[in-house]
Amino acid sequence: MIIFRGAGADRSTPVLQAGDPGSNPAAPLQISPRDITARIIPPAVARTLFERHHYLHSMPGGTPLCFGAFVGEVLLGALSLGVGPRNAHRLIDGATADDGLTLTRLWLDDRLPKNSESRFLGLVFRALRRHTSVKFVVTYADPAVDHVGYIYQATNWLYTGLSQAHPLLDLGDGVPRHTRSVGSALGTYSARYLRREGLRVRTIPRPPKHRYIFFLDPAWRSRLRVPMLPYPKRGDDDGDR
């Protein structure tokens, strides 16, 4: 189990920005990335932001640690860290599930300036090094929505190829859900079992995702059991994901 040991970190009170920030392109705020700070926020607050602004409009289950991106007292982004795929730690020789976290969601207000993602990630990693025993973080970029992980490339994550694909589940309401979220909410993600219980479950195939890993402890890099590969690219792209 990951325990965050930052004294008083869980006592910060997020102040949500008025209106609907980030839902539409807007002029950048007149601030520097250095004005951004990172604080622990309650998962419920992060969930509200992700459901409103993230392209998946959800936060997966098993996500106990969330950071907010603040400018002053205004919350302008969030990042969530959780257990992720069950076997992700097997990428690292000798690692256990407690040695790593998965970055499951990242959203920042569109009006934040360029390089804000790098600043925010750097602050979060600094906090993880200082207050936890986590050795590495894994994350994924979804080619189904044309993401290749430019944010992670810009912040020196290692690219390890494509992950194993897992389908999403529609429980009859038209909302695609990760199997981990379904399992957390219902105790199982077995489509066969849920159908027997009367739910109109439909599986939604999806392609593999680009997989990245960042070592908080550089000494652990030599334990990587899969090859490091060249960063993927997409043609004529000026995006930042």
Protein backbone atom coordinates (compact mmCIF):
# COMPACT_ATOMS: atom_id res chain seq x y z
CA MET A 1 0.00 0.00 0.00
CA ILE A 2 1.29 3.46 -0.91
CA ILE A 3 1.33 5.90 2.01
CA PHE A 4 1.92 9.59 1.37
CA ARG A 5 3.92 10.93 4.29
CA GLY A 6 3.71 14.65 3.58
CA ALA A 7 2.86 16.41 6.81
CA GLY A 8 -0.47 18.19 6.48
CA ALA A 9 -0.64 17.55 2.75
CA ASP A 10 -4.16 16.21 2.92
CA ARG A 11 -5.42 19.31 4.70
CA SER A 12 -5.16 21.69 1.74
CA THR A 13 -8.56 22.91 0.59
CA PRO A 14 -8.97 23.23 -3.18
CA VAL A 15 -10.83 26.22 -4.57
CA LEU A 16 -12.53 25.36 -7.84
CA GLN A 17 -12.45 28.08 -10.46
CA ALA A 18 -15.82 29.61 -11.21
CA GLY A 19 -17.48 28.75 -14.51
CA ASP A 20 -16.37 25.91 -16.75
CA PRO A 21 -12.59 26.23 -17.21
CA GLY A 22 -10.90 24.25 -19.92
CA SER A 23 -14.01 23.12 -21.77
CA ASN A 24 -13.30 25.49 -24.66
CA PRO A 25 -10.12 27.05 -26.05
CA ALA A 26 -9.35 30.34 -24.31
CA ALA A 27 -6.61 32.94 -24.18
CA PRO A 28 -3.63 31.87 -22.01
CA LEU A 29 -3.50 33.21 -18.49
CA GLN A 30 -0.84 35.85 -17.91
CA ILE A 31 1.26 33.67 -15.66
CA SER A 32 4.45 31.64 -15.83
CA PRO A 33 4.64 27.87 -15.33
CA ARG A 34 6.65 28.73 -12.21
CA ASP A 35 3.45 30.13 -10.69
CA ILE A 36 1.97 26.62 -10.61
CA THR A 37 2.11 24.66 -7.35
CA ALA A 38 1.06 21.08 -6.67
CA ARG A 39 -0.95 19.97 -3.64
CA ILE A 40 -2.75 16.83 -2.57
CA ILE A 41 -6.49 17.08 -3.26
CA PRO A 42 -9.34 14.73 -2.35
CA PRO A 43 -10.14 12.13 -5.02
CA ALA A 44 -13.72 13.43 -5.16
CA VAL A 45 -12.47 16.85 -6.26
CA ALA A 46 -10.22 15.32 -8.91
CA ARG A 47 -13.09 13.15 -10.11
CA THR A 48 -15.27 16.24 -10.61
CA LEU A 49 -12.61 17.83 -12.81
CA PHE A 50 -11.99 14.68 -14.85
CA GLU A 51 -15.68 13.98 -15.38
CA ARG A 52 -16.14 17.55 -16.59
CA HIS A 53 -13.00 18.12 -18.65
CA HIS A 54 -10.97 14.97 -19.39
CA TYR A 55 -11.70 13.36 -22.77
CA LEU A 56 -12.73 10.11 -21.03
CA HIS A 57 -15.01 11.98 -18.57
CA SER A 58 -14.20 9.55 -15.78
CA MET A 59 -11.68 8.57 -13.13
CA PRO A 60 -10.82 4.88 -12.76
CA GLY A 61 -11.28 2.99 -9.55
CA GLY A 62 -8.27 2.26 -7.40
CA THR A 63 -7.03 5.85 -7.61
CA PRO A 64 -6.19 6.91 -4.06
CA LEU A 65 -3.65 9.69 -4.66
CA CYS A 66 -4.52 12.90 -6.49
CA PHE A 67 -2.66 16.18 -6.95
CA GLY A 68 -4.13 19.53 -7.94
CA ALA A 69 -2.38 22.16 -10.06
CA PHE A 70 -2.90 25.50 -8.33
CA VAL A 71 -2.19 29.09 -9.26
CA GLY A 72 -2.57 30.89 -5.98
CA GLU A 73 -5.70 29.33 -4.47
CA VAL A 74 -7.34 28.52 -7.81
CA LEU A 75 -7.41 24.90 -8.93
CA LEU A 76 -6.61 24.69 -12.64
CA GLY A 77 -5.77 21.05 -13.19
CA ALA A 78 -5.40 17.62 -11.64
CA LEU A 79 -3.43 14.42 -11.84
CA SER A 80 -4.39 11.03 -10.41
CA LEU A 81 -2.16 8.13 -9.43
CA GLY A 82 -3.42 4.62 -8.84
CA VAL A 83 -2.74 0.93 -9.02
CA GLY A 84 -3.11 0.72 -12.81
CA PRO A 85 -2.79 -2.59 -14.65
CA ARG A 86 -2.38 -5.50 -12.25
CA ASN A 87 0.88 -6.75 -13.73
CA ALA A 88 2.60 -3.46 -14.59
CA HIS A 89 5.21 -3.98 -11.85
CA ARG A 90 6.43 -7.08 -13.71
CA LEU A 91 8.11 -4.73 -16.16
CA ILE A 92 10.72 -4.23 -13.42
CA ASP A 93 12.92 -7.04 -12.14
CA GLY A 94 12.27 -7.70 -8.46
CA ALA A 95 9.51 -5.07 -8.16
CA THR A 96 6.26 -5.51 -6.25
CA ALA A 97 2.95 -3.75 -6.78
CA ASP A 98 3.84 -1.32 -3.96
CA ASP A 99 6.97 -0.11 -5.75
CA GLY A 100 5.10 1.63 -8.56
CA LEU A 101 2.11 3.78 -9.37
CA THR A 102 0.21 4.41 -12.58
CA LEU A 103 -0.58 7.92 -13.75
CA THR A 104 -4.22 7.34 -14.65
CA ARG A 105 -5.45 10.84 -15.51
CA LEU A 106 -3.89 14.23 -16.29
CA TRP A 107 -5.83 17.39 -17.13
CA LEU A 108 -4.76 21.04 -17.11
CA ASP A 109 -6.80 24.11 -18.02
CA ASP A 110 -6.16 25.07 -21.64
CA ARG A 111 -5.34 28.63 -20.57
CA LEU A 112 -2.26 27.59 -18.65
CA PRO A 113 0.93 28.48 -20.56
CA LYS A 114 3.15 26.16 -22.53
CA ASN A 115 5.32 23.82 -20.45
CA SER A 116 2.79 23.78 -17.60
CA GLU A 117 2.52 19.99 -17.87
CA SER A 118 6.28 19.62 -17.42
CA ARG A 119 6.24 21.91 -14.38
CA PHE A 120 3.31 20.08 -12.79
CA LEU A 121 4.77 16.62 -13.37
CA GLY A 122 8.11 17.75 -11.95
CA LEU A 123 6.45 18.99 -8.76
CA VAL A 124 4.49 15.78 -8.33
CA PHE A 125 7.58 13.62 -8.84
CA ARG A 126 9.49 15.71 -6.31
CA ALA A 127 6.72 15.11 -3.76
CA LEU A 128 6.67 11.38 -4.48
CA ARG A 129 10.43 11.12 -3.99
CA ARG A 130 10.28 13.07 -0.74
CA HIS A 131 7.24 11.53 0.88
CA THR A 132 6.84 7.98 -0.49
CA SER A 133 8.90 4.89 -1.25
CA VAL A 134 7.60 4.69 -4.84
CA LYS A 135 10.36 3.82 -7.31
CA PHE A 136 8.66 4.28 -10.68
CA VAL A 137 5.53 5.57 -12.40
CA VAL A 138 3.88 4.01 -15.46
CA THR A 139 1.49 5.78 -17.82
CA TYR A 140 -0.24 5.23 -21.14
CA ALA A 141 -1.11 7.30 -24.21
CA ASP A 142 -4.19 6.31 -26.19
CA PRO A 143 -3.73 6.10 -29.98
CA ALA A 144 -7.50 5.65 -30.31
CA VAL A 145 -7.79 9.41 -29.74
CA ASP A 146 -4.55 10.18 -31.63
CA HIS A 147 -2.38 10.54 -28.52
CA VAL A 148 1.21 9.33 -28.68
CA GLY A 149 2.54 10.76 -25.40
CA TYR A 150 4.37 13.95 -26.35
CA ILE A 151 4.01 15.23 -22.79
CA TYR A 152 5.88 12.17 -21.51
CA GLN A 153 8.49 12.41 -24.22
CA ALA A 154 9.14 16.04 -23.29
CA THR A 155 9.67 15.05 -19.65
CA ASN A 156 12.08 12.17 -20.39
CA TRP A 157 9.92 9.13 -19.71
CA LEU A 158 11.14 5.86 -21.24
CA TYR A 159 9.03 4.35 -24.02
CA THR A 160 8.50 0.59 -23.81
CA GLY A 161 6.12 -0.09 -26.71
CA LEU A 162 2.46 -1.03 -26.80
CA SER A 163 0.55 -2.47 -23.88
CA GLN A 164 -1.82 -5.40 -23.94
CA ALA A 165 -5.27 -4.25 -25.06
CA HIS A 166 -8.25 -4.63 -22.70
CA PRO A 167 -11.84 -3.91 -23.75
CA LEU A 168 -14.09 -1.34 -22.10
CA LEU A 169 -17.52 -2.28 -20.74
CA ASP A 170 -20.85 -0.62 -21.48
CA LEU A 171 -23.33 -1.54 -18.72
CA GLY A 172 -26.34 -0.72 -20.87
CA ASP A 173 -26.29 3.05 -20.48
CA GLY A 174 -23.98 3.84 -23.40
CA VAL A 175 -21.08 4.88 -21.13
CA PRO A 176 -17.77 3.01 -21.78
CA ARG A 177 -16.05 2.08 -18.52
CA HIS A 178 -12.65 0.62 -17.71
CA THR A 179 -12.84 -2.88 -16.29
CA ARG A 180 -11.03 -1.65 -13.17
CA SER A 181 -13.76 0.94 -12.52
CA VAL A 182 -16.48 -1.67 -13.02
CA GLY A 183 -14.72 -4.10 -10.71
CA SER A 184 -14.28 -1.42 -8.05
CA ALA A 185 -17.96 -0.44 -8.19
CA LEU A 186 -19.59 -3.87 -8.63
CA GLY A 187 -17.06 -6.30 -7.19
CA THR A 188 -16.39 -7.94 -10.56
CA TYR A 189 -15.84 -7.01 -14.19
CA SER A 190 -16.85 -10.41 -15.57
CA ALA A 191 -19.23 -9.62 -18.43
CA ARG A 192 -20.70 -13.12 -18.21
CA TYR A 193 -21.48 -12.76 -14.50
CA LEU A 194 -22.94 -9.27 -14.90
CA ARG A 195 -25.19 -10.45 -17.73
CA ARG A 196 -26.47 -13.25 -15.47
CA GLU A 197 -27.29 -10.53 -12.93
CA GLY A 198 -29.49 -8.80 -15.48
CA LEU A 199 -27.19 -6.07 -16.80
CA ARG A 200 -27.05 -5.51 -20.56
CA VAL A 201 -23.27 -5.58 -20.76
CA ARG A 202 -21.50 -4.89 -24.04
CA THR A 203 -17.74 -5.18 -24.51
CA ILE A 204 -16.07 -2.42 -26.52
CA PRO A 205 -12.77 -3.42 -28.17
CA ARG A 206 -9.95 -0.88 -28.14
CA PRO A 207 -6.41 -0.83 -29.49
CA PRO A 208 -3.23 -1.20 -27.38
CA LYS A 209 -1.84 1.94 -25.78
CA HIS A 210 1.63 3.46 -25.87
CA ARG A 211 3.34 2.64 -22.56
CA TYR A 212 5.83 4.91 -20.79
CA ILE A 213 7.75 4.54 -17.52
CA PHE A 214 9.54 7.11 -15.35
CA PHE A 215 12.02 6.05 -12.67
CA LEU A 216 11.85 8.16 -9.53
CA ASP A 217 14.88 6.20 -8.32
CA PRO A 218 17.40 6.19 -11.21
CA ALA A 219 19.14 3.14 -9.74
CA TRP A 220 16.08 1.10 -10.66
CA ARG A 221 16.42 1.84 -14.37
CA SER A 222 18.80 -1.10 -14.80
CA ARG A 223 16.01 -3.41 -13.60
CA LEU A 224 13.80 -2.73 -16.61
CA ARG A 225 12.95 -6.10 -18.16
CA VAL A 226 11.61 -4.85 -21.50
CA PRO A 227 13.57 -2.94 -24.15
CA MET A 228 13.57 0.85 -24.38
CA LEU A 229 12.28 1.87 -27.81
CA PRO A 230 12.40 5.07 -29.89
CA TYR A 231 9.59 7.50 -29.18
CA PRO A 232 6.55 7.11 -31.44
CA LYS A 233 5.51 10.05 -33.63
CA ARG A 234 2.56 10.99 -35.72
CA GLY A 235 2.75 12.90 -38.98
CA ASP A 236 2.34 16.67 -39.22
CA ASP A 237 1.35 16.99 -35.58
CA ASP A 238 1.58 20.02 -33.36
CA GLY A 239 -0.25 18.56 -30.39
CA ASP A 240 1.13 18.16 -26.89
CA ARG A 241 -0.23 14.78 -25.81
